[in-house]
Amino acid sequence: MKSAVAIIVLLLFQLPVFGQKNGIEITGWTNVNSFKCSNLKIAGTASVYSFTGNQLPNLIFKLDDFDCQNKMMTADLRKILQSDRYPTLHIRFLEFKQSSAGKFDGLVEVKMMTISRRYAVQFTVQDKSLVGNKKLKFSDFKIVPPKKMGGMVYVRDELDLLFSIAIAN
């Protein structure tokens, strides 16, 4: 479970500039290196989201769609996050408002496995997408960061989650 959380957290924090695309990237760090895992597919049919009115997005990412560009790391992430028991990661917008030109403040709920946490996230508009970034911890979701080689290589508790949401003009 610890390895899966680390991989998920890593996937959520390091998204490249997507253009008008949907996705999530997690970046994490070990005492030796850094890693990134990404998922460019939001489950469901919407490809462009609207933040007007009362209906805010509820984004669902399948854990099996995350890719860490390394088979073993991808498998570790899925194992840590128990993708066989909890196949999805949810990001639900609870509040969303413009704070200044091109900048928005949101309150999002992130649900992994059976634990939900709320985070304040600032978003900017980039290439017809809303892009947000938030630092999380494995321990936020009761996940102990994984260790390898008898503890000689360990994953840090902190993760960087970056996500992009395509928006209507």
Protein backbone atom coordinates (compact mmCIF):
# COMPACT_ATOMS: atom_id res chain seq x y z
CA MET A 1 0.00 0.00 0.00
CA LYS A 2 2.88 2.34 0.76
CA SER A 3 4.45 1.96 -2.69
CA ALA A 4 1.14 2.59 -4.46
CA VAL A 5 0.53 5.83 -2.60
CA ALA A 6 4.01 7.03 -3.39
CA ILE A 7 3.51 6.32 -7.05
CA ILE A 8 0.10 8.00 -7.11
CA VAL A 9 1.37 11.04 -5.33
CA LEU A 10 4.24 11.25 -7.74
CA LEU A 11 1.90 11.08 -10.67
CA LEU A 12 -0.23 13.91 -9.42
CA PHE A 13 2.44 16.56 -9.02
CA GLN A 14 4.50 16.94 -12.20
CA LEU A 15 2.38 17.47 -15.28
CA PRO A 16 4.04 18.79 -18.37
CA VAL A 17 2.43 21.65 -20.22
CA PHE A 18 -0.53 19.76 -21.66
CA GLY A 19 -1.98 22.21 -24.13
CA GLN A 20 -5.77 21.82 -24.02
CA LYS A 21 -5.71 18.40 -22.42
CA ASN A 22 -6.86 16.65 -19.31
CA GLY A 23 -4.44 14.85 -17.08
CA ILE A 24 -2.68 14.47 -13.80
CA GLU A 25 0.97 14.05 -12.93
CA ILE A 26 2.54 13.01 -9.66
CA THR A 27 6.15 13.78 -8.88
CA GLY A 28 7.96 12.22 -5.99
CA TRP A 29 11.44 11.97 -4.62
CA THR A 30 13.63 9.30 -3.14
CA ASN A 31 16.92 9.81 -1.35
CA VAL A 32 18.56 8.92 -4.70
CA ASN A 33 16.36 10.25 -7.50
CA SER A 34 12.99 11.70 -8.48
CA PHE A 35 10.10 10.06 -10.33
CA LYS A 36 7.00 11.08 -12.29
CA CYS A 37 3.83 9.17 -13.01
CA SER A 38 1.07 10.52 -15.23
CA ASN A 39 -2.44 9.75 -16.37
CA LEU A 40 -3.83 11.61 -19.37
CA LYS A 41 -7.28 10.03 -19.25
CA ILE A 42 -10.21 11.18 -17.17
CA ALA A 43 -12.81 8.43 -16.90
CA GLY A 44 -16.14 9.42 -18.42
CA THR A 45 -17.27 11.18 -21.54
CA ALA A 46 -16.49 14.87 -21.01
CA SER A 47 -13.35 16.18 -22.67
CA VAL A 48 -13.90 19.87 -21.94
CA TYR A 49 -15.20 21.14 -18.60
CA SER A 50 -17.20 24.20 -17.65
CA PHE A 51 -16.82 25.99 -14.33
CA THR A 52 -19.87 28.20 -14.71
CA GLY A 53 -23.11 27.70 -12.84
CA ASN A 54 -23.54 25.36 -9.93
CA GLN A 55 -22.13 22.19 -11.52
CA LEU A 56 -18.41 21.79 -10.72
CA PRO A 57 -16.36 18.89 -12.14
CA ASN A 58 -15.85 15.56 -10.43
CA LEU A 59 -12.79 13.99 -12.07
CA ILE A 60 -12.15 10.26 -11.91
CA PHE A 61 -8.82 8.73 -12.89
CA LYS A 62 -8.33 4.97 -13.29
CA LEU A 63 -5.21 3.88 -11.42
CA ASP A 64 -4.41 1.36 -14.15
CA ASP A 65 -4.05 4.28 -16.60
CA PHE A 66 -1.11 5.79 -14.68
CA ASP A 67 2.28 5.40 -16.35
CA CYS A 68 5.60 6.05 -14.61
CA GLN A 69 7.71 5.36 -17.74
CA ASN A 70 9.15 2.35 -15.90
CA LYS A 71 7.27 -0.98 -15.66
CA MET A 72 8.47 -1.79 -12.15
CA MET A 73 7.67 1.68 -10.80
CA THR A 74 4.23 1.64 -12.45
CA ALA A 75 3.52 -1.77 -10.90
CA ASP A 76 4.74 -0.53 -7.48
CA LEU A 77 2.45 2.51 -7.69
CA ARG A 78 -0.57 0.37 -8.50
CA LYS A 79 0.29 -2.01 -5.68
CA ILE A 80 0.77 0.76 -3.11
CA LEU A 81 -2.54 2.33 -4.08
CA GLN A 82 -4.24 -1.07 -4.09
CA SER A 83 -5.62 -0.59 -7.59
CA ASP A 84 -7.16 -4.06 -7.47
CA ARG A 85 -9.38 -3.01 -4.50
CA TYR A 86 -9.65 0.73 -5.18
CA PRO A 87 -9.37 1.19 -8.97
CA THR A 88 -9.93 4.96 -9.11
CA LEU A 89 -8.62 8.28 -7.82
CA HIS A 90 -11.23 11.02 -7.45
CA ILE A 91 -10.74 14.79 -7.58
CA ARG A 92 -13.95 16.68 -6.85
CA PHE A 93 -14.24 20.45 -7.04
CA LEU A 94 -16.10 21.80 -4.01
CA GLU A 95 -15.56 25.53 -4.60
CA PHE A 96 -14.16 27.54 -7.48
CA LYS A 97 -13.84 31.30 -7.94
CA GLN A 98 -11.74 33.78 -9.89
CA SER A 99 -9.18 35.57 -7.72
CA SER A 100 -7.59 37.80 -10.39
CA ALA A 101 -7.09 37.90 -14.16
CA GLY A 102 -6.26 34.36 -15.28
CA LYS A 103 -6.05 33.05 -11.71
CA PHE A 104 -8.60 31.04 -9.77
CA ASP A 105 -8.90 29.62 -6.26
CA GLY A 106 -10.44 26.23 -5.77
CA LEU A 107 -11.21 23.85 -2.97
CA VAL A 108 -10.81 20.27 -4.13
CA GLU A 109 -11.39 16.96 -2.45
CA VAL A 110 -8.89 14.22 -3.31
CA LYS A 111 -10.01 10.66 -2.57
CA MET A 112 -7.58 7.75 -2.65
CA MET A 113 -8.63 4.36 -1.43
CA THR A 114 -11.04 5.10 1.44
CA ILE A 115 -9.56 8.43 2.55
CA SER A 116 -10.65 11.89 1.39
CA ARG A 117 -8.71 15.10 2.03
CA ARG A 118 -9.54 18.68 1.09
CA TYR A 119 -6.96 21.06 -0.34
CA ALA A 120 -6.98 24.71 -1.38
CA VAL A 121 -5.46 24.93 -4.87
CA GLN A 122 -4.63 27.93 -7.02
CA PHE A 123 -5.22 27.50 -10.76
CA THR A 124 -3.99 29.43 -13.76
CA VAL A 125 -5.23 29.37 -17.35
CA GLN A 126 -2.64 27.98 -19.78
CA ASP A 127 -3.48 27.09 -23.40
CA LYS A 128 -7.25 26.75 -22.81
CA SER A 129 -6.69 24.59 -19.74
CA LEU A 130 -6.84 25.16 -16.00
CA VAL A 131 -3.59 24.05 -14.43
CA GLY A 132 -3.23 23.52 -10.69
CA ASN A 133 -0.45 22.24 -8.46
CA LYS A 134 -0.53 21.04 -4.86
CA LYS A 135 1.97 19.40 -2.53
CA LEU A 136 0.58 16.37 -0.70
CA LYS A 137 1.95 13.72 1.59
CA PHE A 138 1.57 9.98 1.53
CA SER A 139 0.83 10.20 5.21
CA ASP A 140 -2.24 12.36 4.37
CA PHE A 141 -3.74 9.11 3.09
CA LYS A 142 -2.28 6.87 5.81
CA ILE A 143 0.33 5.50 3.43
CA VAL A 144 3.83 4.85 4.64
CA PRO A 145 6.30 5.83 1.90
CA PRO A 146 7.93 2.72 0.45
CA LYS A 147 11.50 1.57 1.04
CA LYS A 148 13.64 -0.65 -1.15
CA MET A 149 16.88 -2.56 -0.69
CA GLY A 150 16.41 -2.99 3.04
CA GLY A 151 15.73 0.71 3.56
CA MET A 152 18.78 1.97 1.68
CA VAL A 153 16.48 3.61 -0.89
CA TYR A 154 13.41 5.31 0.47
CA VAL A 155 10.64 7.50 -0.90
CA ARG A 156 10.09 10.87 0.77
CA ASP A 157 6.66 11.54 2.25
CA GLU A 158 6.05 14.65 0.10
CA LEU A 159 4.51 14.50 -3.38
CA ASP A 160 3.77 17.14 -5.95
CA LEU A 161 0.43 16.81 -7.72
CA LEU A 162 -0.11 18.70 -10.96
CA PHE A 163 -3.28 18.54 -12.98
CA SER A 164 -4.68 20.08 -16.11
CA ILE A 165 -8.34 20.38 -17.09
CA ALA A 166 -9.44 21.42 -20.58
CA ILE A 167 -11.98 24.23 -20.37
CA ALA A 168 -14.51 25.79 -22.71
CA ASN A 169 -13.54 29.17 -24.17
